C-alpha atoms as a PDB file:
ATOM      1  CA  ASN A   1       0.000   0.000   0.000  1.00  0.00           C
ATOM      2  CA  LYS A   2       2.864   2.373   0.885  1.00  0.00           C
ATOM      3  CA  ARG A   3       4.542   1.433  -2.375  1.00  0.00           C
ATOM      4  CA  ILE A   4       1.470   2.388  -4.413  1.00  0.00           C
ATOM      5  CA  LYS A   5       1.222   5.735  -2.600  1.00  0.00           C
ATOM      6  CA  LEU A   6       4.922   6.363  -3.230  1.00  0.00           C
ATOM      7  CA  GLU A   7       4.470   5.491  -6.928  1.00  0.00           C
ATOM      8  CA  ASN A   8       1.487   7.878  -7.149  1.00  0.00           C
ATOM      9  CA  ILE A   9       3.484  10.650  -5.458  1.00  0.00           C
ATOM     10  CA  LYS A  10       6.398  10.102  -7.904  1.00  0.00           C
ATOM     11  CA  THR A  11       4.006  10.170 -10.854  1.00  0.00           C
ATOM     12  CA  GLU A  12       2.404  13.414  -9.588  1.00  0.00           C
ATOM     13  CA  TYR A  13       5.844  14.862  -8.935  1.00  0.00           C
ATOM     14  CA  ASN A  14       6.989  14.055 -12.493  1.00  0.00           C
ATOM     15  CA  LYS A  15       3.792  15.558 -13.951  1.00  0.00           C
ATOM     16  CA  LEU A  16       4.302  18.752 -11.959  1.00  0.00           C
ATOM     17  CA  LYS A  17       7.968  18.833 -12.945  1.00  0.00           C
ATOM     18  CA  ASP A  18       6.989  18.508 -16.634  1.00  0.00           C
ATOM     19  CA  GLN A  19       4.379  21.257 -16.227  1.00  0.00           C
ATOM     20  CA  PHE A  20       6.929  23.606 -14.623  1.00  0.00           C
ATOM     21  CA  THR A  21       9.415  22.863 -17.412  1.00  0.00           C
ATOM     22  CA  GLN A  22       6.729  23.597 -19.997  1.00  0.00           C
ATOM     23  CA  ILE A  23       5.784  26.844 -18.198  1.00  0.00           C
ATOM     24  CA  GLY A  24       9.466  27.828 -18.111  1.00  0.00           C
ATOM     25  CA  ASN A  25       9.784  27.168 -21.860  1.00  0.00           C
ATOM     26  CA  GLU A  26       6.606  29.151 -22.581  1.00  0.00           C
ATOM     27  CA  SER A  27       7.906  31.965 -20.393  1.00  0.00           C
ATOM     28  CA  SER A  28      11.160  32.039 -22.395  1.00  0.00           C
ATOM     29  CA  ASP A  29       9.157  32.083 -25.629  1.00  0.00           C
ATOM     30  CA  LEU A  30       7.019  34.977 -24.360  1.00  0.00           C
ATOM     31  CA  LYS A  31      10.114  36.860 -23.227  1.00  0.00           C
ATOM     32  CA  LYS A  32      11.653  36.411 -26.695  1.00  0.00           C
ATOM     33  CA  ARG A  33       8.411  37.562 -28.356  1.00  0.00           C
ATOM     34  CA  PHE A  34       8.274  40.697 -26.183  1.00  0.00           C
ATOM     35  CA  THR A  35      11.902  41.438 -26.986  1.00  0.00           C
ATOM     36  CA  ASP A  36      11.164  41.000 -30.703  1.00  0.00           C
ATOM     37  CA  LEU A  37       8.106  43.275 -30.421  1.00  0.00           C
ATOM     38  CA  GLY A  38      10.189  45.873 -28.612  1.00  0.00           C
ATOM     39  CA  ASN A  39      12.785  45.770 -31.393  1.00  0.00           C
ATOM     40  CA  GLU A  40      10.070  46.042 -34.057  1.00  0.00           C
ATOM     41  CA  ASN A  41       8.505  48.976 -32.183  1.00  0.00           C
ATOM     42  CA  ALA A  42      11.863  50.771 -31.995  1.00  0.00           C
ATOM     43  CA  ALA A  43      12.410  50.214 -35.726  1.00  0.00           C
ATOM     44  CA  LEU A  44       8.916  51.552 -36.554  1.00  0.00           C
ATOM     45  CA  LYS A  45       9.479  54.566 -34.298  1.00  0.00           C
ATOM     46  CA  ALA A  46      12.758  55.321 -36.074  1.00  0.00           C
ATOM     47  CA  ARG A  47      11.041  55.075 -39.481  1.00  0.00           C
ATOM     48  CA  LEU A  48       8.235  57.403 -38.332  1.00  0.00           C
ATOM     49  CA  GLU A  49      10.718  59.954 -37.006  1.00  0.00           C
ATOM     50  CA  LYS A  50      12.237  60.133 -40.475  1.00  0.00           C
ATOM     51  CA  TYR A  51       8.875  61.240 -41.850  1.00  0.00           C
ATOM     52  CA  ASN A  52       7.574  63.370 -38.966  1.00  0.00           C
ATOM     53  CA  LYS A  53       9.939  66.272 -38.591  1.00  0.00           C
ATOM     54  CA  LYS A  54       9.541  69.619 -36.906  1.00  0.00           C
ATOM     55  CA  PHE A  55      11.268  72.614 -38.454  1.00  0.00           C
ATOM     56  CA  THR A  56      11.701  75.907 -36.665  1.00  0.00           C
ATOM     57  CA  CYS A  57      12.442  79.296 -38.174  1.00  0.00           C
ATOM     58  CA  VAL A  58      13.105  82.580 -36.386  1.00  0.00           C
ATOM     59  CA  VAL A  59      11.302  85.611 -37.837  1.00  0.00           C
ATOM     60  CA  VAL A  60      12.246  89.132 -36.710  1.00  0.00           C
ATOM     61  CA  PHE A  61      10.238  92.265 -37.499  1.00  0.00           C
ATOM     62  CA  ASP A  62      12.500  95.326 -37.338  1.00  0.00           C
ATOM     63  CA  LYS A  63      11.174  98.828 -36.724  1.00  0.00           C
ATOM     64  CA  PHE A  64       8.028  97.327 -35.214  1.00  0.00           C
ATOM     65  CA  GLN A  65       6.620 100.630 -34.008  1.00  0.00           C
ATOM     66  CA  ASN A  66       6.782 102.001 -37.587  1.00  0.00           C
ATOM     67  CA  LEU A  67       5.207  99.035 -39.380  1.00  0.00           C
ATOM     68  CA  PRO A  68       2.128  99.584 -41.557  1.00  0.00           C
ATOM     69  CA  THR A  69      -1.310  98.237 -40.703  1.00  0.00           C
ATOM     70  CA  VAL A  70      -0.348  94.850 -42.133  1.00  0.00           C
ATOM     71  CA  HIS A  71       3.151  93.521 -42.659  1.00  0.00           C
ATOM     72  CA  LYS A  72       4.572  90.343 -44.183  1.00  0.00           C
ATOM     73  CA  SER A  73       7.865  88.798 -43.138  1.00  0.00           C
ATOM     74  CA  ASN A  74      10.510  87.768 -45.597  1.00  0.00           C
ATOM     75  CA  ARG A  75       9.685  84.384 -47.055  1.00  0.00           C
ATOM     76  CA  PHE A  76      11.249  81.320 -45.547  1.00  0.00           C
ATOM     77  CA  THR A  77      11.339  77.768 -46.851  1.00  0.00           C
ATOM     78  CA  ILE A  78      10.592  74.726 -44.743  1.00  0.00           C
ATOM     79  CA  ASP A  79      10.772  71.284 -46.323  1.00  0.00           C
ATOM     80  CA  GLY A  80      10.427  72.712 -49.820  1.00  0.00           C
ATOM     81  CA  LEU A  81       7.394  74.889 -49.025  1.00  0.00           C
ATOM     82  CA  GLU A  82       7.504  78.681 -48.964  1.00  0.00           C
ATOM     83  CA  TRP A  83       5.951  80.418 -45.971  1.00  0.00           C
ATOM     84  CA  GLU A  84       5.671  83.897 -44.539  1.00  0.00           C
ATOM     85  CA  LEU A  85       4.408  85.356 -41.300  1.00  0.00           C
ATOM     86  CA  LEU A  86       1.708  87.987 -41.609  1.00  0.00           C
ATOM     87  CA  ILE A  87       1.132  90.402 -38.718  1.00  0.00           C
ATOM     88  CA  TYR A  88      -1.310  93.194 -37.982  1.00  0.00           C
ATOM     89  CA  PRO A  89       0.342  95.298 -35.240  1.00  0.00           C
ATOM     90  CA  GLN A  90      -2.998  96.867 -34.160  1.00  0.00           C
ATOM     91  CA  GLY A  91      -5.065  93.777 -34.914  1.00  0.00           C
ATOM     92  CA  PHE A  92      -6.857  92.423 -37.959  1.00  0.00           C
ATOM     93  CA  LYS A  93     -10.004  94.166 -36.773  1.00  0.00           C
ATOM     94  CA  ASN A  94      -8.087  97.131 -35.351  1.00  0.00           C
ATOM     95  CA  ASP A  95      -8.942  95.924 -31.848  1.00  0.00           C
ATOM     96  CA  ASN A  96      -5.649  96.672 -30.054  1.00  0.00           C
ATOM     97  CA  HIS A  97      -4.390  93.116 -30.327  1.00  0.00           C
ATOM     98  CA  LEU A  98      -1.486  91.807 -32.354  1.00  0.00           C
ATOM     99  CA  SER A  99      -2.872  89.454 -35.024  1.00  0.00           C
ATOM    100  CA  VAL A 100      -0.519  86.767 -36.325  1.00  0.00           C
ATOM    101  CA  TYR A 101      -1.002  84.402 -39.272  1.00  0.00           C
ATOM    102  CA  LEU A 102       1.122  81.767 -40.964  1.00  0.00           C
ATOM    103  CA  SER A 103       0.716  82.232 -44.694  1.00  0.00           C
ATOM    104  CA  VAL A 104       1.424  80.319 -47.896  1.00  0.00           C
ATOM    105  CA  PRO A 105       2.116  82.886 -50.653  1.00  0.00           C
ATOM    106  CA  ILE A 106      -0.422  82.728 -53.488  1.00  0.00           C
ATOM    107  CA  GLU A 107       2.416  82.349 -56.001  1.00  0.00           C
ATOM    108  CA  SER A 108       3.538  79.213 -54.183  1.00  0.00           C
ATOM    109  CA  GLU A 109       2.331  76.585 -56.629  1.00  0.00           C
ATOM    110  CA  ILE A 110       3.923  73.813 -54.638  1.00  0.00           C
ATOM    111  CA  LEU A 111       0.889  73.584 -52.361  1.00  0.00           C
ATOM    112  CA  LEU A 112      -1.918  73.257 -54.880  1.00  0.00           C
ATOM    113  CA  GLU A 113      -3.988  70.751 -52.937  1.00  0.00           C
ATOM    114  CA  ARG A 114      -5.207  71.197 -49.376  1.00  0.00           C
ATOM    115  CA  LYS A 115      -2.731  69.966 -46.778  1.00  0.00           C
ATOM    116  CA  SER A 116      -3.147  69.785 -42.989  1.00  0.00           C
ATOM    117  CA  ILE A 117      -0.224  71.303 -41.143  1.00  0.00           C
ATOM    118  CA  ASN A 118       0.498  71.232 -37.435  1.00  0.00           C
ATOM    119  CA  PHE A 119       2.239  74.479 -36.553  1.00  0.00           C
ATOM    120  CA  SER A 120       3.033  76.786 -33.673  1.00  0.00           C
ATOM    121  CA  VAL A 121       4.009  80.430 -33.400  1.00  0.00           C
ATOM    122  CA  LYS A 122       5.886  81.698 -30.375  1.00  0.00           C
ATOM    123  CA  LEU A 123       6.278  85.391 -29.602  1.00  0.00           C
ATOM    124  CA  VAL A 124       9.656  85.526 -27.891  1.00  0.00           C
ATOM    125  CA  ASN A 125      10.190  87.425 -24.675  1.00  0.00           C
ATOM    126  CA  PRO A 126      13.774  87.808 -23.340  1.00  0.00           C
ATOM    127  CA  ASN A 127      12.431  86.145 -20.185  1.00  0.00           C
ATOM    128  CA  ASP A 128      11.432  82.919 -21.957  1.00  0.00           C
ATOM    129  CA  SER A 129       8.903  81.952 -19.285  1.00  0.00           C
ATOM    130  CA  LEU A 130       6.854  84.982 -20.401  1.00  0.00           C
ATOM    131  CA  SER A 131       6.953  84.052 -24.113  1.00  0.00           C
ATOM    132  CA  VAL A 132       3.551  83.423 -25.711  1.00  0.00           C
ATOM    133  CA  LYS A 133       3.114  80.290 -27.830  1.00  0.00           C
ATOM    134  CA  LYS A 134       0.031  79.190 -29.728  1.00  0.00           C
ATOM    135  CA  SER A 135      -0.407  76.010 -31.764  1.00  0.00           C
ATOM    136  CA  SER A 136      -2.916  74.765 -34.290  1.00  0.00           C
ATOM    137  CA  LEU A 137      -3.622  72.048 -36.840  1.00  0.00           C
ATOM    138  CA  ARG A 138      -5.075  73.702 -39.931  1.00  0.00           C
ATOM    139  CA  SER A 139      -5.526  73.014 -43.646  1.00  0.00           C
ATOM    140  CA  PHE A 140      -3.495  75.157 -46.028  1.00  0.00           C
ATOM    141  CA  THR A 141      -3.525  75.746 -49.765  1.00  0.00           C
ATOM    142  CA  SER A 142      -1.613  78.287 -51.816  1.00  0.00           C
ATOM    143  CA  GLY A 143      -2.694  81.781 -50.827  1.00  0.00           C
ATOM    144  CA  SER A 144      -4.200  80.770 -47.489  1.00  0.00           C
ATOM    145  CA  ASN A 145      -3.249  82.042 -44.061  1.00  0.00           C
ATOM    146  CA  LYS A 146      -4.179  80.644 -40.674  1.00  0.00           C
ATOM    147  CA  GLY A 147      -3.605  82.036 -37.235  1.00  0.00           C
ATOM    148  CA  TRP A 148      -5.005  84.181 -34.489  1.00  0.00           C
ATOM    149  CA  HIS A 149      -6.941  87.463 -34.599  1.00  0.00           C
ATOM    150  CA  GLN A 150      -6.003  88.158 -30.974  1.00  0.00           C
ATOM    151  CA  PHE A 151      -2.556  86.656 -30.479  1.00  0.00           C
ATOM    152  CA  ILE A 152      -1.666  89.058 -27.641  1.00  0.00           C
ATOM    153  CA  SER A 153      -3.080  92.374 -26.448  1.00  0.00           C
ATOM    154  CA  ALA A 154      -1.239  95.563 -27.387  1.00  0.00           C
ATOM    155  CA  ILE A 155      -0.792  96.355 -23.691  1.00  0.00           C
ATOM    156  CA  SER A 156       0.818  92.969 -22.975  1.00  0.00           C
ATOM    157  CA  LEU A 157       2.981  93.302 -26.093  1.00  0.00           C
ATOM    158  CA  LYS A 158       4.570  96.451 -24.641  1.00  0.00           C
ATOM    159  CA  ASN A 159       5.627  94.529 -21.511  1.00  0.00           C
ATOM    160  CA  GLY A 160       8.994  93.227 -22.665  1.00  0.00           C
ATOM    161  CA  PHE A 161       8.236  91.786 -26.092  1.00  0.00           C
ATOM    162  CA  ILE A 162       9.459  94.792 -28.081  1.00  0.00           C
ATOM    163  CA  VAL A 163      13.244  94.941 -27.743  1.00  0.00           C
ATOM    164  CA  ASP A 164      15.186  97.621 -29.637  1.00  0.00           C
ATOM    165  CA  ASN A 165      12.004  98.254 -31.669  1.00  0.00           C
ATOM    166  CA  LYS A 166      11.983  94.595 -32.826  1.00  0.00           C
ATOM    167  CA  ILE A 167       9.726  91.658 -32.130  1.00  0.00           C
ATOM    168  CA  THR A 168      10.835  88.073 -32.625  1.00  0.00           C
ATOM    169  CA  PHE A 169       8.825  84.971 -33.435  1.00  0.00           C
ATOM    170  CA  GLU A 170       9.736  81.302 -33.574  1.00  0.00           C
ATOM    171  CA  VAL A 171       7.652  79.465 -36.149  1.00  0.00           C
ATOM    172  CA  SER A 172       7.581  75.657 -35.912  1.00  0.00           C
ATOM    173  CA  ILE A 173       6.012  73.458 -38.563  1.00  0.00           C
ATOM    174  CA  ASP A 174       5.598  69.696 -38.465  1.00  0.00           C
ATOM    175  CA  VAL A 175       5.973  68.035 -41.839  1.00  0.00           C
END
């Protein structure tokens, strides 16, 4: 009787041992799969980063206090597309706010079909924590401009943003 019990215990022990070995093998397989997935994810991330790039351009408006009602920056090129910054020093609706728009020149035939662009415009203050940054995702075509009617109030603008009669913007565009 003791012999039969001992045989049963050995059989159970061997079954459990086999199960633990199988679990260990499955665990190793899962660990390898997760490692492979991690490597694939890193490779996909690297490929995406090649296509999703952010470009930044600094735009300075000299003689700010003497600018006309509307003023365009010099054109700048980002990823083959021409852009310009359009500002209204007293506001698009003459409402004592600086209006700021990112613009695609009408002559720019590169952008004939509508394209969604994620962009941001930052009005730089020498004390960077006071800088004003606004972002948007908008559709552009040649000749269109997108931005903000009330980017910053004229009163706030006079509090450190105009330096040596210049204002500076950082324009970032994701392509």
